PDB file of N, CA and C in Angstrom:
ATOM      1  N   MET A   1     119.164  78.805  96.271  1.00  0.00           N
ATOM      2  CA  MET A   1     118.800  77.998  97.417  1.00  0.00           C
ATOM      3  C   MET A   1     117.348  78.296  97.773  1.00  0.00           C
ATOM      4  N   ALA A   2     116.553  77.297  97.903  1.00  0.00           N
ATOM      5  CA  ALA A   2     115.135  77.468  98.200  1.00  0.00           C
ATOM      6  C   ALA A   2     114.927  77.684  99.691  1.00  0.00           C
ATOM      7  N   SER A   3     113.910  78.478 100.015  1.00  0.00           N
ATOM      8  CA  SER A   3     113.586  78.668 101.430  1.00  0.00           C
ATOM      9  C   SER A   3     112.748  77.495 101.911  1.00  0.00           C
ATOM     10  N   HIS A   4     112.756  77.268 103.192  1.00  0.00           N
ATOM     11  CA  HIS A   4     112.008  76.162 103.781  1.00  0.00           C
ATOM     12  C   HIS A   4     110.783  76.701 104.485  1.00  0.00           C
ATOM     13  N   THR A   5     109.709  76.883 103.747  1.00  0.00           N
ATOM     14  CA  THR A   5     108.461  77.325 104.356  1.00  0.00           C
ATOM     15  C   THR A   5     107.440  76.229 104.150  1.00  0.00           C
ATOM     16  N   ALA A   6     106.808  75.837 105.208  1.00  0.00           N
ATOM     17  CA  ALA A   6     105.791  74.807 105.145  1.00  0.00           C
ATOM     18  C   ALA A   6     104.668  75.195 106.082  1.00  0.00           C
ATOM     19  N   GLY A   7     103.534  74.589 105.887  1.00  0.00           N
ATOM     20  CA  GLY A   7     102.408  74.855 106.765  1.00  0.00           C
ATOM     21  C   GLY A   7     101.475  75.892 106.185  1.00  0.00           C
ATOM     22  N   SER A   8     100.455  76.176 106.948  1.00  0.00           N
ATOM     23  CA  SER A   8      99.428  77.106 106.503  1.00  0.00           C
ATOM     24  C   SER A   8      99.947  78.540 106.505  1.00  0.00           C
ATOM     25  N   TYR A   9      99.177  79.411 105.884  1.00  0.00           N
ATOM     26  CA  TYR A   9      99.524  80.835 105.854  1.00  0.00           C
ATOM     27  C   TYR A   9      99.657  81.378 107.273  1.00  0.00           C
ATOM     28  N   GLU A  10      98.730  80.974 108.158  1.00  0.00           N
ATOM     29  CA  GLU A  10      98.760  81.443 109.544  1.00  0.00           C
ATOM     30  C   GLU A  10     100.040  80.996 110.238  1.00  0.00           C
ATOM     31  N   GLU A  11     100.457  79.753 109.997  1.00  0.00           N
ATOM     32  CA  GLU A  11     101.687  79.250 110.611  1.00  0.00           C
ATOM     33  C   GLU A  11     102.900  80.001 110.088  1.00  0.00           C
ATOM     34  N   GLN A  12     102.899  80.318 108.790  1.00  0.00           N
ATOM     35  CA  GLN A  12     104.020  81.018 108.190  1.00  0.00           C
ATOM     36  C   GLN A  12     104.107  82.465 108.662  1.00  0.00           C
ATOM     37  N   CYS A  13     102.983  83.074 109.048  1.00  0.00           N
ATOM     38  CA  CYS A  13     102.955  84.485 109.416  1.00  0.00           C
ATOM     39  C   CYS A  13     103.027  84.736 110.918  1.00  0.00           C
ATOM     40  N   ARG A  14     102.948  83.703 111.730  1.00  0.00           N
ATOM     41  CA  ARG A  14     103.008  83.931 113.177  1.00  0.00           C
ATOM     42  C   ARG A  14     104.431  84.300 113.575  1.00  0.00           C
ATOM     43  N   PRO A  15     104.580  85.087 114.638  1.00  0.00           N
ATOM     44  CA  PRO A  15     105.916  85.487 115.095  1.00  0.00           C
ATOM     45  C   PRO A  15     106.767  84.273 115.461  1.00  0.00           C
ATOM     46  N   LEU A  16     108.027  84.318 115.115  1.00  0.00           N
ATOM     47  CA  LEU A  16     108.956  83.230 115.427  1.00  0.00           C
ATOM     48  C   LEU A  16     109.429  83.300 116.866  1.00  0.00           C
ATOM     49  N   THR A  17     109.664  82.143 117.440  1.00  0.00           N
ATOM     50  CA  THR A  17     110.336  82.044 118.731  1.00  0.00           C
ATOM     51  C   THR A  17     111.784  81.629 118.452  1.00  0.00           C
ATOM     52  N   VAL A  18     112.618  81.646 119.468  1.00  0.00           N
ATOM     53  CA  VAL A  18     114.004  81.199 119.300  1.00  0.00           C
ATOM     54  C   VAL A  18     114.009  79.746 118.815  1.00  0.00           C
ATOM     55  N   LYS A  19     113.154  78.915 119.394  1.00  0.00           N
ATOM     56  CA  LYS A  19     113.065  77.509 118.980  1.00  0.00           C
ATOM     57  C   LYS A  19     112.717  77.415 117.491  1.00  0.00           C
ATOM     58  N   ASP A  20     111.725  78.189 117.045  1.00  0.00           N
ATOM     59  CA  ASP A  20     111.326  78.185 115.633  1.00  0.00           C
ATOM     60  C   ASP A  20     112.495  78.590 114.731  1.00  0.00           C
ATOM     61  N   LEU A  21     113.217  79.632 115.145  1.00  0.00           N
ATOM     62  CA  LEU A  21     114.332  80.129 114.345  1.00  0.00           C
ATOM     63  C   LEU A  21     115.440  79.090 114.245  1.00  0.00           C
ATOM     64  N   ILE A  22     115.759  78.447 115.356  1.00  0.00           N
ATOM     65  CA  ILE A  22     116.779  77.401 115.351  1.00  0.00           C
ATOM     66  C   ILE A  22     116.366  76.266 114.421  1.00  0.00           C
ATOM     67  N   GLU A  23     115.110  75.840 114.515  1.00  0.00           N
ATOM     68  CA  GLU A  23     114.619  74.763 113.652  1.00  0.00           C
ATOM     69  C   GLU A  23     114.657  75.173 112.180  1.00  0.00           C
ATOM     70  N   ALA A  24     114.291  76.411 111.883  1.00  0.00           N
ATOM     71  CA  ALA A  24     114.306  76.884 110.501  1.00  0.00           C
ATOM     72  C   ALA A  24     115.732  76.962 109.966  1.00  0.00           C
ATOM     73  N   LEU A  25     116.660  77.471 110.788  1.00  0.00           N
ATOM     74  CA  LEU A  25     118.042  77.608 110.359  1.00  0.00           C
ATOM     75  C   LEU A  25     118.745  76.259 110.225  1.00  0.00           C
ATOM     76  N   ALA A  26     118.248  75.231 110.913  1.00  0.00           N
ATOM     77  CA  ALA A  26     118.862  73.904 110.861  1.00  0.00           C
ATOM     78  C   ALA A  26     118.795  73.295 109.456  1.00  0.00           C
ATOM     79  N   HIS A  27     117.953  73.830 108.580  1.00  0.00           N
ATOM     80  CA  HIS A  27     117.826  73.330 107.211  1.00  0.00           C
ATOM     81  C   HIS A  27     118.939  73.838 106.294  1.00  0.00           C
ATOM     82  N   TYR A  28     119.749  74.748 106.782  1.00  0.00           N
ATOM     83  CA  TYR A  28     120.787  75.373 105.967  1.00  0.00           C
ATOM     84  C   TYR A  28     122.170  74.946 106.442  1.00  0.00           C
ATOM     85  N   PRO A  29     123.178  75.071 105.586  1.00  0.00           N
ATOM     86  CA  PRO A  29     124.545  74.750 106.026  1.00  0.00           C
ATOM     87  C   PRO A  29     124.931  75.608 107.228  1.00  0.00           C
ATOM     88  N   SER A  30     125.676  75.033 108.160  1.00  0.00           N
ATOM     89  CA  SER A  30     126.004  75.747 109.398  1.00  0.00           C
ATOM     90  C   SER A  30     126.955  76.919 109.184  1.00  0.00           C
ATOM     91  N   ASP A  31     127.622  76.969 108.033  1.00  0.00           N
ATOM     92  CA  ASP A  31     128.562  78.062 107.796  1.00  0.00           C
ATOM     93  C   ASP A  31     128.013  79.137 106.856  1.00  0.00           C
ATOM     94  N   ILE A  32     126.708  79.082 106.552  1.00  0.00           N
ATOM     95  CA  ILE A  32     126.113  80.097 105.681  1.00  0.00           C
ATOM     96  C   ILE A  32     125.904  81.394 106.467  1.00  0.00           C
ATOM     97  N   ARG A  33     126.095  82.515 105.819  1.00  0.00           N
ATOM     98  CA  ARG A  33     125.960  83.821 106.475  1.00  0.00           C
ATOM     99  C   ARG A  33     124.494  84.157 106.701  1.00  0.00           C
ATOM    100  N   VAL A  34     124.202  84.882 107.775  1.00  0.00           N
ATOM    101  CA  VAL A  34     122.855  85.364 108.082  1.00  0.00           C
ATOM    102  C   VAL A  34     122.852  86.874 107.894  1.00  0.00           C
ATOM    103  N   VAL A  35     121.905  87.381 107.106  1.00  0.00           N
ATOM    104  CA  VAL A  35     121.802  88.817 106.850  1.00  0.00           C
ATOM    105  C   VAL A  35     120.377  89.282 107.124  1.00  0.00           C
ATOM    106  N   VAL A  36     120.202  90.593 107.176  1.00  0.00           N
ATOM    107  CA  VAL A  36     118.885  91.204 107.314  1.00  0.00           C
ATOM    108  C   VAL A  36     118.817  92.315 106.272  1.00  0.00           C
ATOM    109  N   ASN A  37     117.608  92.558 105.757  1.00  0.00           N
ATOM    110  CA  ASN A  37     117.508  93.597 104.732  1.00  0.00           C
ATOM    111  C   ASN A  37     117.872  94.954 105.323  1.00  0.00           C
ATOM    112  N   GLY A  38     118.561  95.765 104.505  1.00  0.00           N
ATOM    113  CA  GLY A  38     118.989  97.093 104.931  1.00  0.00           C
ATOM    114  C   GLY A  38     117.817  98.045 105.044  1.00  0.00           C
ATOM    115  N   TYR A  39     118.073  99.188 105.594  1.00  0.00           N
ATOM    116  CA  TYR A  39     117.016 100.175 105.831  1.00  0.00           C
ATOM    117  C   TYR A  39     116.256 100.530 104.556  1.00  0.00           C
ATOM    118  N   GLU A  40     116.967 100.872 103.498  1.00  0.00           N
ATOM    119  CA  GLU A  40     116.294 101.201 102.244  1.00  0.00           C
ATOM    120  C   GLU A  40     116.678 100.258 101.118  1.00  0.00           C
ATOM    121  N   ASP A  41     117.890  99.724 101.151  1.00  0.00           N
ATOM    122  CA  ASP A  41     118.363  98.920 100.038  1.00  0.00           C
ATOM    123  C   ASP A  41     119.491  98.021 100.514  1.00  0.00           C
ATOM    124  N   GLY A  42     119.705  96.933  99.842  1.00  0.00           N
ATOM    125  CA  GLY A  42     120.812  96.040 100.150  1.00  0.00           C
ATOM    126  C   GLY A  42     120.547  95.166 101.366  1.00  0.00           C
ATOM    127  N   TYR A  43     121.617  94.559 101.870  1.00  0.00           N
ATOM    128  CA  TYR A  43     121.530  93.623 102.991  1.00  0.00           C
ATOM    129  C   TYR A  43     122.656  93.908 103.970  1.00  0.00           C
ATOM    130  N   ASP A  44     122.367  93.807 105.261  1.00  0.00           N
ATOM    131  CA  ASP A  44     123.361  94.000 106.310  1.00  0.00           C
ATOM    132  C   ASP A  44     123.728  92.654 106.914  1.00  0.00           C
ATOM    133  N   ASN A  45     125.004  92.506 107.293  1.00  0.00           N
ATOM    134  CA  ASN A  45     125.450  91.326 108.020  1.00  0.00           C
ATOM    135  C   ASN A  45     124.957  91.403 109.453  1.00  0.00           C
ATOM    136  N   LEU A  46     124.745  90.247 110.064  1.00  0.00           N
ATOM    137  CA  LEU A  46     124.441  90.190 111.488  1.00  0.00           C
ATOM    138  C   LEU A  46     125.724  89.848 112.225  1.00  0.00           C
ATOM    139  N   HIS A  47     125.873  90.387 113.414  1.00  0.00           N
ATOM    140  CA  HIS A  47     127.055  90.151 114.235  1.00  0.00           C
ATOM    141  C   HIS A  47     126.591  89.736 115.624  1.00  0.00           C
ATOM    142  N   ALA A  48     127.514  89.187 116.415  1.00  0.00           N
ATOM    143  CA  ALA A  48     127.162  88.743 117.763  1.00  0.00           C
ATOM    144  C   ALA A  48     126.504  89.856 118.560  1.00  0.00           C
ATOM    145  N   ASN A  49     126.971  91.100 118.380  1.00  0.00           N
ATOM    146  CA  ASN A  49     126.377  92.207 119.130  1.00  0.00           C
ATOM    147  C   ASN A  49     125.115  92.748 118.462  1.00  0.00           C
ATOM    148  N   SER A  50     124.628  92.064 117.406  1.00  0.00           N
ATOM    149  CA  SER A  50     123.369  92.454 116.763  1.00  0.00           C
ATOM    150  C   SER A  50     122.157  91.984 117.563  1.00  0.00           C
ATOM    151  N   LEU A  51     122.357  91.022 118.455  1.00  0.00           N
ATOM    152  CA  LEU A  51     121.266  90.435 119.220  1.00  0.00           C
ATOM    153  C   LEU A  51     121.164  91.059 120.599  1.00  0.00           C
ATOM    154  N   SER A  52     119.946  91.410 120.999  1.00  0.00           N
ATOM    155  CA  SER A  52     119.736  91.924 122.348  1.00  0.00           C
ATOM    156  C   SER A  52     118.321  91.571 122.808  1.00  0.00           C
ATOM    157  N   ALA A  53     118.168  91.433 124.117  1.00  0.00           N
ATOM    158  CA  ALA A  53     116.859  91.167 124.704  1.00  0.00           C
ATOM    159  C   ALA A  53     116.166  92.504 124.960  1.00  0.00           C
ATOM    160  N   ILE A  54     114.901  92.590 124.575  1.00  0.00           N
ATOM    161  CA  ILE A  54     114.134  93.826 124.750  1.00  0.00           C
ATOM    162  C   ILE A  54     112.736  93.496 125.261  1.00  0.00           C
ATOM    163  N   ASN A  55     112.050  94.497 125.775  1.00  0.00           N
ATOM    164  CA  ASN A  55     110.641  94.375 126.143  1.00  0.00           C
ATOM    165  C   ASN A  55     109.838  95.254 125.197  1.00  0.00           C
ATOM    166  N   ILE A  56     108.828  94.646 124.582  1.00  0.00           N
ATOM    167  CA  ILE A  56     107.991  95.364 123.617  1.00  0.00           C
ATOM    168  C   ILE A  56     106.530  95.044 123.875  1.00  0.00           C
ATOM    169  N   ARG A  57     105.665  95.741 123.187  1.00  0.00           N
ATOM    170  CA  ARG A  57     104.225  95.468 123.257  1.00  0.00           C
ATOM    171  C   ARG A  57     103.637  95.762 121.879  1.00  0.00           C
ATOM    172  N   PRO A  58     102.518  95.138 121.551  1.00  0.00           N
ATOM    173  CA  PRO A  58     101.890  95.373 120.254  1.00  0.00           C
ATOM    174  C   PRO A  58     101.535  96.840 120.060  1.00  0.00           C
ATOM    175  N   LYS A  59     101.619  97.295 118.839  1.00  0.00           N
ATOM    176  CA  LYS A  59     101.250  98.657 118.461  1.00  0.00           C
ATOM    177  C   LYS A  59     100.146  98.528 117.407  1.00  0.00           C
ATOM    178  N   PRO A  60      98.902  98.364 117.856  1.00  0.00           N
ATOM    179  CA  PRO A  60      97.797  98.044 116.945  1.00  0.00           C
ATOM    180  C   PRO A  60      97.569  99.064 115.832  1.00  0.00           C
ATOM    181  N   ASP A  61      97.773 100.331 116.106  1.00  0.00           N
ATOM    182  CA  ASP A  61      97.479 101.364 115.114  1.00  0.00           C
ATOM    183  C   ASP A  61      98.725 101.838 114.378  1.00  0.00           C
ATOM    184  N   HIS A  62      99.665 100.922 114.144  1.00  0.00           N
ATOM    185  CA  HIS A  62     100.911 101.314 113.479  1.00  0.00           C
ATOM    186  C   HIS A  62     100.671 101.614 111.995  1.00  0.00           C
ATOM    187  N   ALA A  63     101.445 102.548 111.495  1.00  0.00           N
ATOM    188  CA  ALA A  63     101.384 102.874 110.070  1.00  0.00           C
ATOM    189  C   ALA A  63     102.044 101.743 109.281  1.00  0.00           C
ATOM    190  N   GLU A  64     101.764 101.676 108.011  1.00  0.00           N
ATOM    191  CA  GLU A  64     102.279 100.612 107.147  1.00  0.00           C
ATOM    192  C   GLU A  64     103.802 100.525 107.187  1.00  0.00           C
ATOM    193  N   TRP A  65     104.481 101.649 107.325  1.00  0.00           N
ATOM    194  CA  TRP A  65     105.940 101.674 107.301  1.00  0.00           C
ATOM    195  C   TRP A  65     106.557 101.519 108.688  1.00  0.00           C
ATOM    196  N   GLU A  66     105.743 101.411 109.728  1.00  0.00           N
ATOM    197  CA  GLU A  66     106.230 101.243 111.091  1.00  0.00           C
ATOM    198  C   GLU A  66     106.177  99.773 111.501  1.00  0.00           C
ATOM    199  N   GLY A  67     106.914  99.440 112.531  1.00  0.00           N
ATOM    200  CA  GLY A  67     106.892  98.084 113.059  1.00  0.00           C
ATOM    201  C   GLY A  67     105.583  97.777 113.765  1.00  0.00           C
ATOM    202  N   GLU A  68     105.264  96.493 113.883  1.00  0.00           N
ATOM    203  CA  GLU A  68     104.027  96.034 114.518  1.00  0.00           C
ATOM    204  C   GLU A  68     104.057  96.162 116.034  1.00  0.00           C
ATOM    205  N   ASN A  69     105.259  96.352 116.597  1.00  0.00           N
ATOM    206  CA  ASN A  69     105.426  96.440 118.045  1.00  0.00           C
ATOM    207  C   ASN A  69     106.224  97.684 118.391  1.00  0.00           C
ATOM    208  N   GLU A  70     106.095  98.122 119.674  1.00  0.00           N
ATOM    209  CA  GLU A  70     106.829  99.307 120.120  1.00  0.00           C
ATOM    210  C   GLU A  70     107.575  99.006 121.409  1.00  0.00           C
ATOM    211  N   ASP A  71     108.572  99.810 121.688  1.00  0.00           N
ATOM    212  CA  ASP A  71     109.387  99.684 122.879  1.00  0.00           C
ATOM    213  C   ASP A  71     108.514  99.866 124.118  1.00  0.00           C
ATOM    214  N   ALA A  72     108.690  98.995 125.100  1.00  0.00           N
ATOM    215  CA  ALA A  72     107.881  99.074 126.319  1.00  0.00           C
ATOM    216  C   ALA A  72     108.674  99.638 127.486  1.00  0.00           C
ATOM    217  N   ARG A  73     109.878 100.177 127.245  1.00  0.00           N
ATOM    218  CA  ARG A  73     110.706 100.694 128.341  1.00  0.00           C
ATOM    219  C   ARG A  73     110.094 101.917 129.005  1.00  0.00           C
ATOM    220  N   GLU A  74     109.565 102.807 128.203  1.00  0.00           N
ATOM    221  CA  GLU A  74     109.076 104.073 128.747  1.00  0.00           C
ATOM    222  C   GLU A  74     107.768 103.909 129.516  1.00  0.00           C
ATOM    223  N   ILE A  75     106.864 103.125 128.985  1.00  0.00           N
ATOM    224  CA  ILE A  75     105.563 102.926 129.637  1.00  0.00           C
ATOM    225  C   ILE A  75     105.265 101.436 129.634  1.00  0.00           C
ATOM    226  N   SER A  76     105.474 100.781 130.777  1.00  0.00           N
ATOM    227  CA  SER A  76     105.172  99.354 130.842  1.00  0.00           C
ATOM    228  C   SER A  76     103.681  99.175 131.059  1.00  0.00           C
ATOM    229  N   GLY A  77     103.194  98.021 130.695  1.00  0.00           N
ATOM    230  CA  GLY A  77     101.772  97.783 130.862  1.00  0.00           C
ATOM    231  C   GLY A  77     101.331  96.466 130.250  1.00  0.00           C
ATOM    232  N   ALA A  78     100.044  96.393 130.000  1.00  0.00           N
ATOM    233  CA  ALA A  78      99.432  95.175 129.473  1.00  0.00           C
ATOM    234  C   ALA A  78     100.040  94.801 128.135  1.00  0.00           C
ATOM    235  N   ASN A  79     100.035  93.515 127.864  1.00  0.00           N
ATOM    236  CA  ASN A  79     100.500  92.934 126.604  1.00  0.00           C
ATOM    237  C   ASN A  79     101.998  93.081 126.371  1.00  0.00           C
ATOM    238  N   GLU A  80     102.733  93.472 127.384  1.00  0.00           N
ATOM    239  CA  GLU A  80     104.189  93.601 127.254  1.00  0.00           C
ATOM    240  C   GLU A  80     104.811  92.210 127.227  1.00  0.00           C
ATOM    241  N   PHE A  81     105.819  92.017 126.382  1.00  0.00           N
ATOM    242  CA  PHE A  81     106.505  90.731 126.330  1.00  0.00           C
ATOM    243  C   PHE A  81     107.970  90.921 125.966  1.00  0.00           C
ATOM    244  N   SER A  82     108.764  89.923 126.284  1.00  0.00           N
ATOM    245  CA  SER A  82     110.194  89.944 125.959  1.00  0.00           C
ATOM    246  C   SER A  82     110.405  89.389 124.565  1.00  0.00           C
ATOM    247  N   ALA A  83     111.447  89.879 123.903  1.00  0.00           N
ATOM    248  CA  ALA A  83     111.794  89.406 122.571  1.00  0.00           C
ATOM    249  C   ALA A  83     113.287  89.558 122.363  1.00  0.00           C
ATOM    250  N   VAL A  84     113.828  88.850 121.389  1.00  0.00           N
ATOM    251  CA  VAL A  84     115.207  89.047 120.964  1.00  0.00           C
ATOM    252  C   VAL A  84     115.180  89.920 119.734  1.00  0.00           C
ATOM    253  N   CYS A  85     115.908  91.011 119.770  1.00  0.00           N
ATOM    254  CA  CYS A  85     115.963  91.940 118.649  1.00  0.00           C
ATOM    255  C   CYS A  85     117.255  91.693 117.869  1.00  0.00           C
ATOM    256  N   ILE A  86     117.136  91.581 116.550  1.00  0.00           N
ATOM    257  CA  ILE A  86     118.299  91.506 115.676  1.00  0.00           C
ATOM    258  C   ILE A  86     118.416  92.883 115.033  1.00  0.00           C
ATOM    259  N   ALA A  87     119.383  93.644 115.491  1.00  0.00           N
ATOM    260  CA  ALA A  87     119.535  95.022 115.040  1.00  0.00           C
ATOM    261  C   ALA A  87     120.269  95.081 113.698  1.00  0.00           C
ATOM    262  N   ARG A  88     119.798  95.968 112.823  1.00  0.00           N
ATOM    263  CA  ARG A  88     120.472  96.223 111.558  1.00  0.00           C
ATOM    264  C   ARG A  88     121.602  97.206 111.787  1.00  0.00           C
ATOM    265  N   LYS A  89     122.646  97.110 110.980  1.00  0.00           N
ATOM    266  CA  LYS A  89     123.739  98.072 111.055  1.00  0.00           C
ATOM    267  C   LYS A  89     123.275  99.406 110.511  1.00  0.00           C
ATOM    268  N   SER A  90     122.532  99.381 109.389  1.00  0.00           N
ATOM    269  CA  SER A  90     122.037 100.623 108.802  1.00  0.00           C
ATOM    270  C   SER A  90     120.763 101.049 109.508  1.00  0.00           C
ATOM    271  N   HIS A  91     120.591 102.315 109.674  1.00  0.00           N
ATOM    272  CA  HIS A  91     119.419 102.827 110.408  1.00  0.00           C
ATOM    273  C   HIS A  91     118.530 103.577 109.468  1.00  0.00           C
TER     274      HIS A  91
END
């Protein structure tokens, strides 16, 4: 099954919103499974309790193996924003 990516490199690399995700998923059969890559290998299933609302902020000096954003719970401040997190089963 081919992925549905269109548009410029910048459009393809910008962070997705819920609207973007819904539109992207609309190209696939409604009964297809959604997975996320596992921590080191394989793929994890997503479940209803995999989704949660969080507050994060950009982490400009992140290492290559770290995420681009960090948790904003401990120290709130500038550039903080809300996001939906899809948690992996494997840690």
